[in-house]
PDB file of all heavy atoms in Angstrom:
ATOM      1  N   LEU A   1     -19.711 -86.565  86.782  1.00  0.00           N
ATOM      2  CA  LEU A   1     -18.703 -86.963  85.811  1.00  0.00           C
ATOM      3  C   LEU A   1     -17.329 -86.913  86.469  1.00  0.00           C
ATOM      4  O   LEU A   1     -16.970 -85.905  87.076  1.00  0.00           O
ATOM      5  CB  LEU A   1     -18.703 -86.015  84.612  1.00  0.00           C
ATOM      6  CG  LEU A   1     -20.020 -85.820  83.867  1.00  0.00           C
ATOM      7  CD1 LEU A   1     -19.843 -84.795  82.757  1.00  0.00           C
ATOM      8  CD2 LEU A   1     -20.536 -87.141  83.318  1.00  0.00           C
ATOM      9  N   LEU A   2     -16.569 -87.993  86.324  1.00  0.00           N
ATOM     10  CA  LEU A   2     -15.214 -88.050  86.853  1.00  0.00           C
ATOM     11  C   LEU A   2     -14.267 -88.270  85.683  1.00  0.00           C
ATOM     12  O   LEU A   2     -14.377 -89.281  84.991  1.00  0.00           O
ATOM     13  CB  LEU A   2     -15.082 -89.182  87.865  1.00  0.00           C
ATOM     14  CG  LEU A   2     -13.748 -89.277  88.594  1.00  0.00           C
ATOM     15  CD1 LEU A   2     -13.957 -89.837  89.991  1.00  0.00           C
ATOM     16  CD2 LEU A   2     -12.731 -90.094  87.847  1.00  0.00           C
ATOM     17  N   MET A   3     -13.374 -87.315  85.439  1.00  0.00           N
ATOM     18  CA  MET A   3     -12.389 -87.486  84.382  1.00  0.00           C
ATOM     19  C   MET A   3     -11.223 -88.285  84.952  1.00  0.00           C
ATOM     20  O   MET A   3     -10.644 -87.922  85.967  1.00  0.00           O
ATOM     21  CB  MET A   3     -11.911 -86.153  83.833  1.00  0.00           C
ATOM     22  CG  MET A   3     -10.944 -86.335  82.665  1.00  0.00           C
ATOM     23  SD  MET A   3     -10.629 -84.829  81.739  1.00  0.00           S
ATOM     24  CE  MET A   3     -12.163 -84.694  80.808  1.00  0.00           C
ATOM     25  N   PHE A   4     -10.895 -89.379  84.265  1.00  0.00           N
ATOM     26  CA  PHE A   4      -9.823 -90.289  84.656  1.00  0.00           C
ATOM     27  C   PHE A   4      -8.800 -90.240  83.531  1.00  0.00           C
ATOM     28  O   PHE A   4      -9.029 -90.788  82.457  1.00  0.00           O
ATOM     29  CB  PHE A   4     -10.414 -91.694  84.832  1.00  0.00           C
ATOM     30  CG  PHE A   4      -9.491 -92.701  85.440  1.00  0.00           C
ATOM     31  CD1 PHE A   4      -8.859 -92.466  86.652  1.00  0.00           C
ATOM     32  CD2 PHE A   4      -9.292 -93.915  84.818  1.00  0.00           C
ATOM     33  CE1 PHE A   4      -8.027 -93.423  87.226  1.00  0.00           C
ATOM     34  CE2 PHE A   4      -8.474 -94.880  85.380  1.00  0.00           C
ATOM     35  CZ  PHE A   4      -7.839 -94.630  86.584  1.00  0.00           C
ATOM     36  N   THR A   5      -7.681 -89.545  83.761  1.00  0.00           N
ATOM     37  CA  THR A   5      -6.774 -89.222  82.672  1.00  0.00           C
ATOM     38  C   THR A   5      -5.313 -89.441  83.026  1.00  0.00           C
ATOM     39  O   THR A   5      -4.944 -89.397  84.202  1.00  0.00           O
ATOM     40  CB  THR A   5      -6.986 -87.755  82.238  1.00  0.00           C
ATOM     41  OG1 THR A   5      -6.103 -87.438  81.170  1.00  0.00           O
ATOM     42  CG2 THR A   5      -6.777 -86.790  83.388  1.00  0.00           C
ATOM     43  N   SER A   6      -4.510 -89.627  82.016  1.00  0.00           N
ATOM     44  CA  SER A   6      -3.060 -89.740  82.187  1.00  0.00           C
ATOM     45  C   SER A   6      -2.396 -88.376  82.248  1.00  0.00           C
ATOM     46  O   SER A   6      -1.223 -88.271  82.579  1.00  0.00           O
ATOM     47  CB  SER A   6      -2.450 -90.523  81.018  1.00  0.00           C
ATOM     48  OG  SER A   6      -2.985 -91.804  80.955  1.00  0.00           O
ATOM     49  N   PHE A   7      -3.107 -87.333  81.888  1.00  0.00           N
ATOM     50  CA  PHE A   7      -2.522 -86.015  81.663  1.00  0.00           C
ATOM     51  C   PHE A   7      -2.926 -84.972  82.705  1.00  0.00           C
ATOM     52  O   PHE A   7      -3.067 -83.806  82.384  1.00  0.00           O
ATOM     53  CB  PHE A   7      -2.929 -85.503  80.281  1.00  0.00           C
ATOM     54  CG  PHE A   7      -2.669 -86.487  79.187  1.00  0.00           C
ATOM     55  CD1 PHE A   7      -3.712 -87.175  78.595  1.00  0.00           C
ATOM     56  CD2 PHE A   7      -1.366 -86.743  78.764  1.00  0.00           C
ATOM     57  CE1 PHE A   7      -3.469 -88.089  77.574  1.00  0.00           C
ATOM     58  CE2 PHE A   7      -1.121 -87.666  77.756  1.00  0.00           C
ATOM     59  CZ  PHE A   7      -2.170 -88.336  77.157  1.00  0.00           C
ATOM     60  N   LYS A   8      -3.129 -85.341  83.945  1.00  0.00           N
ATOM     61  CA  LYS A   8      -3.622 -84.401  84.948  1.00  0.00           C
ATOM     62  C   LYS A   8      -2.596 -83.309  85.263  1.00  0.00           C
ATOM     63  O   LYS A   8      -1.474 -83.590  85.662  1.00  0.00           O
ATOM     64  CB  LYS A   8      -4.007 -85.126  86.229  1.00  0.00           C
ATOM     65  CG  LYS A   8      -4.628 -84.211  87.272  1.00  0.00           C
ATOM     66  CD  LYS A   8      -5.035 -84.970  88.508  1.00  0.00           C
ATOM     67  CE  LYS A   8      -5.545 -84.013  89.569  1.00  0.00           C
ATOM     68  NZ  LYS A   8      -5.835 -84.698  90.814  1.00  0.00           N
ATOM     69  N   THR A   9      -3.019 -82.090  85.058  1.00  0.00           N
ATOM     70  CA  THR A   9      -2.248 -80.898  85.425  1.00  0.00           C
ATOM     71  C   THR A   9      -3.236 -79.924  86.052  1.00  0.00           C
ATOM     72  O   THR A   9      -4.453 -80.077  85.874  1.00  0.00           O
ATOM     73  CB  THR A   9      -1.604 -80.217  84.198  1.00  0.00           C
ATOM     74  OG1 THR A   9      -2.657 -79.729  83.348  1.00  0.00           O
ATOM     75  CG2 THR A   9      -0.695 -81.173  83.424  1.00  0.00           C
ATOM     76  N   PRO A  10      -2.768 -78.906  86.759  1.00  0.00           N
ATOM     77  CA  PRO A  10      -3.706 -77.912  87.304  1.00  0.00           C
ATOM     78  C   PRO A  10      -4.557 -77.250  86.210  1.00  0.00           C
ATOM     79  O   PRO A  10      -5.755 -77.034  86.404  1.00  0.00           O
ATOM     80  CB  PRO A  10      -2.796 -76.894  87.997  1.00  0.00           C
ATOM     81  CG  PRO A  10      -1.585 -77.694  88.385  1.00  0.00           C
ATOM     82  CD  PRO A  10      -1.396 -78.676  87.256  1.00  0.00           C
ATOM     83  N   GLN A  11      -3.968 -76.959  85.055  1.00  0.00           N
ATOM     84  CA  GLN A  11      -4.715 -76.336  83.955  1.00  0.00           C
ATOM     85  C   GLN A  11      -5.773 -77.287  83.397  1.00  0.00           C
ATOM     86  O   GLN A  11      -6.908 -76.892  83.142  1.00  0.00           O
ATOM     87  CB  GLN A  11      -3.766 -75.887  82.841  1.00  0.00           C
ATOM     88  CG  GLN A  11      -4.475 -75.214  81.670  1.00  0.00           C
ATOM     89  CD  GLN A  11      -5.259 -73.963  82.073  1.00  0.00           C
ATOM     90  OE1 GLN A  11      -4.837 -73.219  82.966  1.00  0.00           O
ATOM     91  NE2 GLN A  11      -6.387 -73.738  81.437  1.00  0.00           N
ATOM     92  N   LEU A  12      -5.402 -78.554  83.220  1.00  0.00           N
ATOM     93  CA  LEU A  12      -6.363 -79.545  82.722  1.00  0.00           C
ATOM     94  C   LEU A  12      -7.508 -79.706  83.709  1.00  0.00           C
ATOM     95  O   LEU A  12      -8.671 -79.756  83.316  1.00  0.00           O
ATOM     96  CB  LEU A  12      -5.686 -80.897  82.494  1.00  0.00           C
ATOM     97  CG  LEU A  12      -6.644 -81.974  81.990  1.00  0.00           C
ATOM     98  CD1 LEU A  12      -6.005 -82.771  80.877  1.00  0.00           C
ATOM     99  CD2 LEU A  12      -7.105 -82.855  83.120  1.00  0.00           C
ATOM    100  N   GLU A  13      -7.182 -79.774  84.991  1.00  0.00           N
ATOM    101  CA  GLU A  13      -8.230 -79.924  86.007  1.00  0.00           C
ATOM    102  C   GLU A  13      -9.187 -78.726  85.976  1.00  0.00           C
ATOM    103  O   GLU A  13     -10.404 -78.892  86.033  1.00  0.00           O
ATOM    104  CB  GLU A  13      -7.606 -80.076  87.389  1.00  0.00           C
ATOM    105  CG  GLU A  13      -8.621 -80.411  88.455  1.00  0.00           C
ATOM    106  CD  GLU A  13      -7.973 -80.870  89.746  1.00  0.00           C
ATOM    107  OE1 GLU A  13      -6.755 -80.747  89.917  1.00  0.00           O
ATOM    108  OE2 GLU A  13      -8.737 -81.370  90.592  1.00  0.00           O
ATOM    109  N   LYS A  14      -8.651 -77.543  85.853  1.00  0.00           N
ATOM    110  CA  LYS A  14      -9.479 -76.334  85.774  1.00  0.00           C
ATOM    111  C   LYS A  14     -10.402 -76.379  84.560  1.00  0.00           C
ATOM    112  O   LYS A  14     -11.594 -76.087  84.660  1.00  0.00           O
ATOM    113  CB  LYS A  14      -8.560 -75.103  85.699  1.00  0.00           C
ATOM    114  CG  LYS A  14      -9.283 -73.794  85.670  1.00  0.00           C
ATOM    115  CD  LYS A  14      -8.294 -72.641  85.637  1.00  0.00           C
ATOM    116  CE  LYS A  14      -9.031 -71.310  85.543  1.00  0.00           C
ATOM    117  NZ  LYS A  14      -8.101 -70.177  85.491  1.00  0.00           N
ATOM    118  N   GLU A  15      -9.856 -76.800  83.409  1.00  0.00           N
ATOM    119  CA  GLU A  15     -10.672 -76.882  82.195  1.00  0.00           C
ATOM    120  C   GLU A  15     -11.726 -77.979  82.307  1.00  0.00           C
ATOM    121  O   GLU A  15     -12.872 -77.798  81.889  1.00  0.00           O
ATOM    122  CB  GLU A  15      -9.783 -77.119  80.976  1.00  0.00           C
ATOM    123  CG  GLU A  15     -10.542 -76.982  79.675  1.00  0.00           C
ATOM    124  CD  GLU A  15      -9.649 -76.965  78.446  1.00  0.00           C
ATOM    125  OE1 GLU A  15      -8.415 -76.837  78.576  1.00  0.00           O
ATOM    126  OE2 GLU A  15     -10.212 -77.080  77.349  1.00  0.00           O
ATOM    127  N   ALA A  16     -11.358 -79.123  82.886  1.00  0.00           N
ATOM    128  CA  ALA A  16     -12.312 -80.223  83.054  1.00  0.00           C
ATOM    129  C   ALA A  16     -13.477 -79.800  83.945  1.00  0.00           C
ATOM    130  O   ALA A  16     -14.643 -80.082  83.641  1.00  0.00           O
ATOM    131  CB  ALA A  16     -11.612 -81.451  83.629  1.00  0.00           C
ATOM    132  N   LEU A  17     -13.176 -79.117  85.032  1.00  0.00           N
ATOM    133  CA  LEU A  17     -14.240 -78.638  85.931  1.00  0.00           C
ATOM    134  C   LEU A  17     -15.123 -77.611  85.223  1.00  0.00           C
ATOM    135  O   LEU A  17     -16.347 -77.627  85.383  1.00  0.00           O
ATOM    136  CB  LEU A  17     -13.627 -78.061  87.205  1.00  0.00           C
ATOM    137  CG  LEU A  17     -12.878 -79.066  88.090  1.00  0.00           C
ATOM    138  CD1 LEU A  17     -12.171 -78.350  89.236  1.00  0.00           C
ATOM    139  CD2 LEU A  17     -13.791 -80.163  88.605  1.00  0.00           C
ATOM    140  N   ALA A  18     -14.521 -76.753  84.402  1.00  0.00           N
ATOM    141  CA  ALA A  18     -15.287 -75.765  83.645  1.00  0.00           C
ATOM    142  C   ALA A  18     -16.194 -76.421  82.607  1.00  0.00           C
ATOM    143  O   ALA A  18     -17.251 -75.876  82.269  1.00  0.00           O
ATOM    144  CB  ALA A  18     -14.342 -74.773  82.967  1.00  0.00           C
ATOM    145  N   CYS A  19     -15.805 -77.593  82.124  1.00  0.00           N
ATOM    146  CA  CYS A  19     -16.603 -78.316  81.122  1.00  0.00           C
ATOM    147  C   CYS A  19     -17.721 -79.145  81.754  1.00  0.00           C
ATOM    148  O   CYS A  19     -18.540 -79.714  81.033  1.00  0.00           O
ATOM    149  CB  CYS A  19     -15.705 -79.237  80.303  1.00  0.00           C
ATOM    150  SG  CYS A  19     -14.593 -78.377  79.200  1.00  0.00           S
ATOM    151  N   GLY A  20     -17.730 -79.253  83.074  1.00  0.00           N
ATOM    152  CA  GLY A  20     -18.797 -79.998  83.736  1.00  0.00           C
ATOM    153  C   GLY A  20     -18.356 -81.214  84.519  1.00  0.00           C
ATOM    154  O   GLY A  20     -19.182 -81.858  85.165  1.00  0.00           O
ATOM    155  N   CYS A  21     -17.078 -81.557  84.479  1.00  0.00           N
ATOM    156  CA  CYS A  21     -16.611 -82.680  85.293  1.00  0.00           C
ATOM    157  C   CYS A  21     -16.652 -82.261  86.756  1.00  0.00           C
ATOM    158  O   CYS A  21     -16.431 -81.100  87.086  1.00  0.00           O
ATOM    159  CB  CYS A  21     -15.187 -83.071  84.900  1.00  0.00           C
ATOM    160  SG  CYS A  21     -15.101 -83.854  83.283  1.00  0.00           S
ATOM    161  N   ASN A  22     -16.942 -83.208  87.610  1.00  0.00           N
ATOM    162  CA  ASN A  22     -17.027 -82.934  89.041  1.00  0.00           C
ATOM    163  C   ASN A  22     -15.734 -83.272  89.771  1.00  0.00           C
ATOM    164  O   ASN A  22     -15.550 -82.857  90.918  1.00  0.00           O
ATOM    165  CB  ASN A  22     -18.180 -83.728  89.652  1.00  0.00           C
ATOM    166  CG  ASN A  22     -19.485 -83.410  88.969  1.00  0.00           C
ATOM    167  OD1 ASN A  22     -19.876 -84.097  88.027  1.00  0.00           O
ATOM    168  ND2 ASN A  22     -20.161 -82.370  89.411  1.00  0.00           N
ATOM    169  N   ALA A  23     -14.868 -84.039  89.129  1.00  0.00           N
ATOM    170  CA  ALA A  23     -13.586 -84.416  89.717  1.00  0.00           C
ATOM    171  C   ALA A  23     -12.663 -84.893  88.606  1.00  0.00           C
ATOM    172  O   ALA A  23     -13.117 -85.316  87.544  1.00  0.00           O
ATOM    173  CB  ALA A  23     -13.767 -85.523  90.755  1.00  0.00           C
ATOM    174  N   VAL A  24     -11.363 -84.808  88.884  1.00  0.00           N
ATOM    175  CA  VAL A  24     -10.345 -85.291  87.949  1.00  0.00           C
ATOM    176  C   VAL A  24      -9.362 -86.141  88.748  1.00  0.00           C
ATOM    177  O   VAL A  24      -8.879 -85.709  89.799  1.00  0.00           O
ATOM    178  CB  VAL A  24      -9.591 -84.125  87.270  1.00  0.00           C
ATOM    179  CG1 VAL A  24      -8.545 -84.652  86.307  1.00  0.00           C
ATOM    180  CG2 VAL A  24     -10.559 -83.188  86.561  1.00  0.00           C
ATOM    181  N   VAL A  25      -9.103 -87.351  88.262  1.00  0.00           N
ATOM    182  CA  VAL A  25      -8.162 -88.256  88.909  1.00  0.00           C
ATOM    183  C   VAL A  25      -7.176 -88.735  87.852  1.00  0.00           C
ATOM    184  O   VAL A  25      -7.567 -89.083  86.739  1.00  0.00           O
ATOM    185  CB  VAL A  25      -8.887 -89.466  89.548  1.00  0.00           C
ATOM    186  CG1 VAL A  25      -7.891 -90.470  90.117  1.00  0.00           C
ATOM    187  CG2 VAL A  25      -9.864 -89.005  90.623  1.00  0.00           C
ATOM    188  N   SER A  26      -5.901 -88.747  88.219  1.00  0.00           N
ATOM    189  CA  SER A  26      -4.864 -89.229  87.321  1.00  0.00           C
ATOM    190  C   SER A  26      -4.830 -90.755  87.339  1.00  0.00           C
ATOM    191  O   SER A  26      -4.988 -91.373  88.397  1.00  0.00           O
ATOM    192  CB  SER A  26      -3.506 -88.684  87.755  1.00  0.00           C
ATOM    193  OG  SER A  26      -2.471 -89.299  87.013  1.00  0.00           O
TER     194      SER A  26
END
């Protein structure tokens, strides 16, 4: 799962990874 978001922050990335996303890209 790759989260593709407008709101990327270190906290959001940490939460996304904790929820099961494998990567976060702004």
